[in-house]
């Protein structure tokens, strides 16, 4: 941010911090509502689960493997 003086910069920064801090400590409710809707609706849950499996199996070959020789 550009201000006319270092003192003004500190005042502005202080106000910005006052606005931002609650956003991090109190996340919005819409995320929780979205999860509740998806997990509470059988068709949406099925779509989510299939998507989760596809993503899992896409990355599975990249995961490190443990075998008896590693022990």
PDB file of N, CA and C in Angstrom:
ATOM      1  N   UNK A   1       0.840  -1.162   0.000  1.00  0.00           N
ATOM      2  CA  UNK A   1       0.000   0.000   0.000  1.00  0.00           C
ATOM      3  C   UNK A   1       0.888   1.228   0.000  1.00  0.00           C
ATOM      4  N   UNK A   2       0.389   2.289  -0.577  1.00  0.00           N
ATOM      5  CA  UNK A   2       1.143   3.538  -0.666  1.00  0.00           C
ATOM      6  C   UNK A   2       0.439   4.573   0.208  1.00  0.00           C
ATOM      7  N   UNK A   3       1.199   5.163   1.113  1.00  0.00           N
ATOM      8  CA  UNK A   3       0.659   6.213   1.979  1.00  0.00           C
ATOM      9  C   UNK A   3       1.595   7.405   1.945  1.00  0.00           C
ATOM     10  N   UNK A   4       1.132   8.488   2.514  1.00  0.00           N
ATOM     11  CA  UNK A   4       1.932   9.710   2.486  1.00  0.00           C
ATOM     12  C   UNK A   4       3.003   9.755   3.571  1.00  0.00           C
ATOM     13  N   UNK A   5       2.908   8.857   4.563  1.00  0.00           N
ATOM     14  CA  UNK A   5       3.910   8.857   5.625  1.00  0.00           C
ATOM     15  C   UNK A   5       3.969   7.480   6.281  1.00  0.00           C
ATOM     16  N   UNK A   6       5.072   7.195   6.951  1.00  0.00           N
ATOM     17  CA  UNK A   6       5.172   5.918   7.667  1.00  0.00           C
ATOM     18  C   UNK A   6       4.107   5.787   8.769  1.00  0.00           C
ATOM     19  N   UNK A   7       3.774   6.898   9.405  1.00  0.00           N
ATOM     20  CA  UNK A   7       2.753   6.865  10.454  1.00  0.00           C
ATOM     21  C   UNK A   7       1.392   6.486   9.879  1.00  0.00           C
ATOM     22  N   UNK A   8       1.070   7.079   8.739  1.00  0.00           N
ATOM     23  CA  UNK A   8      -0.208   6.752   8.100  1.00  0.00           C
ATOM     24  C   UNK A   8      -0.222   5.291   7.652  1.00  0.00           C
ATOM     25  N   UNK A   9       0.900   4.819   7.171  1.00  0.00           N
ATOM     26  CA  UNK A   9       1.009   3.419   6.758  1.00  0.00           C
ATOM     27  C   UNK A   9       0.685   2.503   7.938  1.00  0.00           C
ATOM     28  N   UNK A  10       1.229   2.786   9.107  1.00  0.00           N
ATOM     29  CA  UNK A  10       0.965   1.976  10.291  1.00  0.00           C
ATOM     30  C   UNK A  10      -0.513   2.015  10.684  1.00  0.00           C
ATOM     31  N   UNK A  11      -1.131   3.183  10.578  1.00  0.00           N
ATOM     32  CA  UNK A  11      -2.561   3.294  10.909  1.00  0.00           C
ATOM     33  C   UNK A  11      -3.412   2.470   9.936  1.00  0.00           C
ATOM     34  N   UNK A  12      -3.087   2.581   8.651  1.00  0.00           N
ATOM     35  CA  UNK A  12      -3.840   1.832   7.636  1.00  0.00           C
ATOM     36  C   UNK A  12      -3.623   0.336   7.822  1.00  0.00           C
ATOM     37  N   UNK A  13      -2.393  -0.070   8.058  1.00  0.00           N
ATOM     38  CA  UNK A  13      -2.081  -1.477   8.267  1.00  0.00           C
ATOM     39  C   UNK A  13      -2.833  -2.026   9.487  1.00  0.00           C
ATOM     40  N   UNK A  14      -2.906  -1.228  10.529  1.00  0.00           N
ATOM     41  CA  UNK A  14      -3.639  -1.632  11.729  1.00  0.00           C
ATOM     42  C   UNK A  14      -5.114  -1.878  11.411  1.00  0.00           C
ATOM     43  N   UNK A  15      -5.712  -1.024  10.615  1.00  0.00           N
ATOM     44  CA  UNK A  15      -7.123  -1.192  10.240  1.00  0.00           C
ATOM     45  C   UNK A  15      -7.323  -2.421   9.362  1.00  0.00           C
ATOM     46  N   UNK A  16      -6.401  -2.645   8.463  1.00  0.00           N
ATOM     47  CA  UNK A  16      -6.488  -3.820   7.594  1.00  0.00           C
ATOM     48  C   UNK A  16      -6.421  -5.095   8.440  1.00  0.00           C
ATOM     49  N   UNK A  17      -5.511  -5.121   9.399  1.00  0.00           N
ATOM     50  CA  UNK A  17      -5.387  -6.288  10.277  1.00  0.00           C
ATOM     51  C   UNK A  17      -6.666  -6.513  11.077  1.00  0.00           C
ATOM     52  N   UNK A  18      -7.305  -5.442  11.507  1.00  0.00           N
ATOM     53  CA  UNK A  18      -8.560  -5.570  12.270  1.00  0.00           C
ATOM     54  C   UNK A  18      -9.658  -6.201  11.424  1.00  0.00           C
ATOM     55  N   UNK A  19      -9.637  -5.923  10.127  1.00  0.00           N
ATOM     56  CA  UNK A  19     -10.649  -6.490   9.229  1.00  0.00           C
ATOM     57  C   UNK A  19     -10.314  -7.944   8.894  1.00  0.00           C
ATOM     58  N   UNK A  20      -9.058  -8.228   8.650  1.00  0.00           N
ATOM     59  CA  UNK A  20      -8.642  -9.551   8.179  1.00  0.00           C
ATOM     60  C   UNK A  20      -8.657 -10.609   9.277  1.00  0.00           C
ATOM     61  N   UNK A  21      -8.227 -10.270  10.469  1.00  0.00           N
ATOM     62  CA  UNK A  21      -8.071 -11.256  11.554  1.00  0.00           C
ATOM     63  C   UNK A  21      -9.336 -12.090  11.790  1.00  0.00           C
ATOM     64  N   UNK A  22     -10.517 -11.482  11.889  1.00  0.00           N
ATOM     65  CA  UNK A  22     -11.723 -12.309  12.111  1.00  0.00           C
ATOM     66  C   UNK A  22     -12.037 -13.254  10.956  1.00  0.00           C
ATOM     67  N   UNK A  23     -11.611 -12.901   9.754  1.00  0.00           N
ATOM     68  CA  UNK A  23     -11.874 -13.785   8.612  1.00  0.00           C
ATOM     69  C   UNK A  23     -11.138 -15.109   8.757  1.00  0.00           C
ATOM     70  N   UNK A  24      -9.950 -15.066   9.345  1.00  0.00           N
ATOM     71  CA  UNK A  24      -9.182 -16.292   9.531  1.00  0.00           C
ATOM     72  C   UNK A  24      -9.634 -17.073  10.751  1.00  0.00           C
ATOM     73  N   UNK A  25     -10.025 -16.388  11.796  1.00  0.00           N
ATOM     74  CA  UNK A  25     -10.398 -17.092  13.011  1.00  0.00           C
ATOM     75  C   UNK A  25     -11.843 -17.581  12.985  1.00  0.00           C
ATOM     76  N   UNK A  26     -12.677 -17.030  12.132  1.00  0.00           N
ATOM     77  CA  UNK A  26     -14.075 -17.443  12.005  1.00  0.00           C
ATOM     78  C   UNK A  26     -14.408 -17.650  10.534  1.00  0.00           C
ATOM     79  N   UNK A  27     -14.099 -18.826  10.002  1.00  0.00           N
ATOM     80  CA  UNK A  27     -14.365 -19.056   8.587  1.00  0.00           C
ATOM     81  C   UNK A  27     -15.859 -18.969   8.286  1.00  0.00           C
ATOM     82  N   UNK A  28     -16.213 -18.643   7.059  1.00  0.00           N
ATOM     83  CA  UNK A  28     -17.618 -18.517   6.701  1.00  0.00           C
ATOM     84  C   UNK A  28     -18.361 -19.848   6.820  1.00  0.00           C
ATOM     85  N   UNK A  29     -19.650 -19.746   7.038  1.00  0.00           N
ATOM     86  CA  UNK A  29     -20.489 -20.933   7.210  1.00  0.00           C
ATOM     87  C   UNK A  29     -20.787 -21.653   5.901  1.00  0.00           C
ATOM     88  N   UNK A  30     -20.650 -20.981   4.770  1.00  0.00           N
ATOM     89  CA  UNK A  30     -21.096 -21.621   3.537  1.00  0.00           C
ATOM     90  C   UNK A  30     -20.327 -22.900   3.223  1.00  0.00           C
ATOM     91  N   UNK A  31     -19.078 -23.007   3.663  1.00  0.00           N
ATOM     92  CA  UNK A  31     -18.330 -24.243   3.439  1.00  0.00           C
ATOM     93  C   UNK A  31     -18.953 -25.413   4.187  1.00  0.00           C
ATOM     94  N   UNK A  32     -19.301 -25.175   5.441  1.00  0.00           N
ATOM     95  CA  UNK A  32     -19.937 -26.222   6.242  1.00  0.00           C
ATOM     96  C   UNK A  32     -21.310 -26.579   5.686  1.00  0.00           C
ATOM     97  N   UNK A  33     -22.037 -25.592   5.200  1.00  0.00           N
ATOM     98  CA  UNK A  33     -23.348 -25.853   4.618  1.00  0.00           C
ATOM     99  C   UNK A  33     -23.225 -26.677   3.342  1.00  0.00           C
ATOM    100  N   UNK A  34     -22.205 -26.373   2.558  1.00  0.00           N
ATOM    101  CA  UNK A  34     -21.967 -27.120   1.327  1.00  0.00           C
ATOM    102  C   UNK A  34     -21.669 -28.588   1.641  1.00  0.00           C
ATOM    103  N   UNK A  35     -20.792 -28.816   2.608  1.00  0.00           N
ATOM    104  CA  UNK A  35     -20.464 -30.187   2.999  1.00  0.00           C
ATOM    105  C   UNK A  35     -21.708 -30.911   3.503  1.00  0.00           C
ATOM    106  N   UNK A  36     -22.487 -30.252   4.352  1.00  0.00           N
ATOM    107  CA  UNK A  36     -23.703 -30.868   4.882  1.00  0.00           C
ATOM    108  C   UNK A  36     -24.680 -31.230   3.764  1.00  0.00           C
ATOM    109  N   UNK A  37     -24.792 -30.364   2.759  1.00  0.00           N
ATOM    110  CA  UNK A  37     -25.688 -30.637   1.635  1.00  0.00           C
ATOM    111  C   UNK A  37     -25.210 -31.840   0.837  1.00  0.00           C
ATOM    112  N   UNK A  38     -23.901 -31.885   0.540  1.00  0.00           N
ATOM    113  CA  UNK A  38     -23.353 -32.985  -0.261  1.00  0.00           C
ATOM    114  C   UNK A  38     -23.462 -34.307   0.494  1.00  0.00           C
ATOM    115  N   UNK A  39     -23.075 -34.305   1.752  1.00  0.00           N
ATOM    116  CA  UNK A  39     -23.105 -35.553   2.511  1.00  0.00           C
ATOM    117  C   UNK A  39     -24.517 -35.975   2.879  1.00  0.00           C
ATOM    118  N   UNK A  40     -25.453 -35.034   2.882  1.00  0.00           N
ATOM    119  CA  UNK A  40     -26.828 -35.342   3.256  1.00  0.00           C
ATOM    120  C   UNK A  40     -27.758 -35.635   2.089  1.00  0.00           C
ATOM    121  N   UNK A  41     -27.256 -35.532   0.858  1.00  0.00           N
ATOM    122  CA  UNK A  41     -28.065 -35.801  -0.329  1.00  0.00           C
ATOM    123  C   UNK A  41     -27.481 -37.020  -1.034  1.00  0.00           C
ATOM    124  N   UNK A  42     -28.198 -38.137  -1.058  1.00  0.00           N
ATOM    125  CA  UNK A  42     -27.627 -39.375  -1.599  1.00  0.00           C
ATOM    126  C   UNK A  42     -27.015 -39.234  -3.001  1.00  0.00           C
ATOM    127  N   UNK A  43     -27.686 -38.552  -3.918  1.00  0.00           N
ATOM    128  CA  UNK A  43     -27.144 -38.425  -5.274  1.00  0.00           C
ATOM    129  C   UNK A  43     -25.864 -37.584  -5.289  1.00  0.00           C
ATOM    130  N   UNK A  44     -25.854 -36.487  -4.549  1.00  0.00           N
ATOM    131  CA  UNK A  44     -24.647 -35.654  -4.479  1.00  0.00           C
ATOM    132  C   UNK A  44     -23.510 -36.400  -3.787  1.00  0.00           C
ATOM    133  N   UNK A  45     -23.847 -37.141  -2.748  1.00  0.00           N
ATOM    134  CA  UNK A  45     -22.838 -37.930  -2.056  1.00  0.00           C
ATOM    135  C   UNK A  45     -22.200 -38.940  -3.005  1.00  0.00           C
ATOM    136  N   UNK A  46     -23.027 -39.612  -3.804  1.00  0.00           N
ATOM    137  CA  UNK A  46     -22.516 -40.600  -4.753  1.00  0.00           C
ATOM    138  C   UNK A  46     -21.578 -39.937  -5.765  1.00  0.00           C
ATOM    139  N   UNK A  47     -21.965 -38.783  -6.300  1.00  0.00           N
ATOM    140  CA  UNK A  47     -21.108 -38.063  -7.246  1.00  0.00           C
ATOM    141  C   UNK A  47     -19.784 -37.682  -6.589  1.00  0.00           C
ATOM    142  N   UNK A  48     -19.853 -37.194  -5.348  1.00  0.00           N
ATOM    143  CA  UNK A  48     -18.639 -36.794  -4.636  1.00  0.00           C
ATOM    144  C   UNK A  48     -17.739 -38.003  -4.412  1.00  0.00           C
ATOM    145  N   UNK A  49     -18.326 -39.124  -3.995  1.00  0.00           N
ATOM    146  CA  UNK A  49     -17.547 -40.310  -3.692  1.00  0.00           C
ATOM    147  C   UNK A  49     -16.858 -40.856  -4.946  1.00  0.00           C
ATOM    148  N   UNK A  50     -17.566 -40.880  -6.049  1.00  0.00           N
ATOM    149  CA  UNK A  50     -16.973 -41.343  -7.307  1.00  0.00           C
ATOM    150  C   UNK A  50     -15.819 -40.427  -7.705  1.00  0.00           C
ATOM    151  N   UNK A  51     -16.026 -39.127  -7.557  1.00  0.00           N
ATOM    152  CA  UNK A  51     -14.970 -38.169  -7.865  1.00  0.00           C
ATOM    153  C   UNK A  51     -13.752 -38.386  -6.967  1.00  0.00           C
ATOM    154  N   UNK A  52     -14.000 -38.671  -5.701  1.00  0.00           N
ATOM    155  CA  UNK A  52     -12.923 -38.941  -4.755  1.00  0.00           C
ATOM    156  C   UNK A  52     -12.140 -40.181  -5.167  1.00  0.00           C
ATOM    157  N   UNK A  53     -12.847 -41.229  -5.558  1.00  0.00           N
ATOM    158  CA  UNK A  53     -12.177 -42.456  -5.987  1.00  0.00           C
ATOM    159  C   UNK A  53     -11.350 -42.237  -7.251  1.00  0.00           C
ATOM    160  N   UNK A  54     -11.908 -41.509  -8.200  1.00  0.00           N
ATOM    161  CA  UNK A  54     -11.172 -41.224  -9.447  1.00  0.00           C
ATOM    162  C   UNK A  54      -9.883 -40.478  -9.127  1.00  0.00           C
ATOM    163  N   UNK A  55      -9.974 -39.484  -8.274  1.00  0.00           N
ATOM    164  CA  UNK A  55      -8.787 -38.710  -7.896  1.00  0.00           C
ATOM    165  C   UNK A  55      -7.790 -39.597  -7.164  1.00  0.00           C
ATOM    166  N   UNK A  56      -8.273 -40.426  -6.260  1.00  0.00           N
ATOM    167  CA  UNK A  56      -7.405 -41.328  -5.511  1.00  0.00           C
ATOM    168  C   UNK A  56      -6.628 -42.244  -6.454  1.00  0.00           C
ATOM    169  N   UNK A  57      -7.337 -42.882  -7.377  1.00  0.00           N
ATOM    170  CA  UNK A  57      -6.678 -43.825  -8.272  1.00  0.00           C
ATOM    171  C   UNK A  57      -5.798 -43.131  -9.306  1.00  0.00           C
ATOM    172  N   UNK A  58      -6.077 -41.874  -9.582  1.00  0.00           N
ATOM    173  CA  UNK A  58      -5.214 -41.121 -10.495  1.00  0.00           C
ATOM    174  C   UNK A  58      -3.836 -40.909  -9.867  1.00  0.00           C
ATOM    175  N   UNK A  59      -3.809 -40.652  -8.551  1.00  0.00           N
ATOM    176  CA  UNK A  59      -2.548 -40.363  -7.875  1.00  0.00           C
ATOM    177  C   UNK A  59      -1.911 -41.596  -7.240  1.00  0.00           C
ATOM    178  N   UNK A  60      -2.611 -42.705  -7.185  1.00  0.00           N
ATOM    179  CA  UNK A  60      -2.105 -43.919  -6.555  1.00  0.00           C
ATOM    180  C   UNK A  60      -0.752 -44.365  -7.110  1.00  0.00           C
ATOM    181  N   UNK A  61      -0.530 -44.339  -8.421  1.00  0.00           N
ATOM    182  CA  UNK A  61       0.783 -44.769  -8.927  1.00  0.00           C
ATOM    183  C   UNK A  61       1.938 -43.888  -8.437  1.00  0.00           C
ATOM    184  N   UNK A  62       1.666 -42.661  -8.044  1.00  0.00           N
ATOM    185  CA  UNK A  62       2.724 -41.756  -7.602  1.00  0.00           C
ATOM    186  C   UNK A  62       3.072 -41.916  -6.130  1.00  0.00           C
ATOM    187  N   UNK A  63       2.254 -42.648  -5.374  1.00  0.00           N
ATOM    188  CA  UNK A  63       2.503 -42.810  -3.946  1.00  0.00           C
ATOM    189  C   UNK A  63       3.667 -43.767  -3.728  1.00  0.00           C
ATOM    190  N   UNK A  64       4.494 -43.475  -2.715  1.00  0.00           N
ATOM    191  CA  UNK A  64       5.607 -44.403  -2.443  1.00  0.00           C
ATOM    192  C   UNK A  64       5.079 -45.748  -1.972  1.00  0.00           C
ATOM    193  N   UNK A  65       5.753 -46.782  -2.363  1.00  0.00           N
ATOM    194  CA  UNK A  65       5.333 -48.135  -2.017  1.00  0.00           C
ATOM    195  C   UNK A  65       6.222 -48.677  -0.898  1.00  0.00           C
ATOM    196  N   UNK A  66       5.623 -49.425   0.012  1.00  0.00           N
ATOM    197  CA  UNK A  66       6.389 -50.135   1.035  1.00  0.00           C
ATOM    198  C   UNK A  66       6.310 -51.622   0.695  1.00  0.00           C
ATOM    199  N   UNK A  67       7.421 -52.269   0.791  1.00  0.00           N
ATOM    200  CA  UNK A  67       7.415 -53.713   0.592  1.00  0.00           C
ATOM    201  C   UNK A  67       8.296 -54.357   1.662  1.00  0.00           C
ATOM    202  N   UNK A  68       8.367 -55.640   1.651  1.00  0.00           N
ATOM    203  CA  UNK A  68       9.112 -56.362   2.684  1.00  0.00           C
ATOM    204  C   UNK A  68      10.577 -55.957   2.717  1.00  0.00           C
ATOM    205  N   UNK A  69      11.156 -55.615   1.578  1.00  0.00           N
ATOM    206  CA  UNK A  69      12.562 -55.234   1.525  1.00  0.00           C
ATOM    207  C   UNK A  69      12.821 -53.880   2.194  1.00  0.00           C
ATOM    208  N   UNK A  70      11.798 -53.054   2.341  1.00  0.00           N
ATOM    209  CA  UNK A  70      11.960 -51.740   2.957  1.00  0.00           C
ATOM    210  C   UNK A  70      12.015 -51.809   4.477  1.00  0.00           C
ATOM    211  N   UNK A  71      11.644 -52.930   5.064  1.00  0.00           N
ATOM    212  CA  UNK A  71      11.552 -53.023   6.533  1.00  0.00           C
ATOM    213  C   UNK A  71      12.886 -53.130   7.188  1.00  0.00           C
TER     214      UNK A  71
END
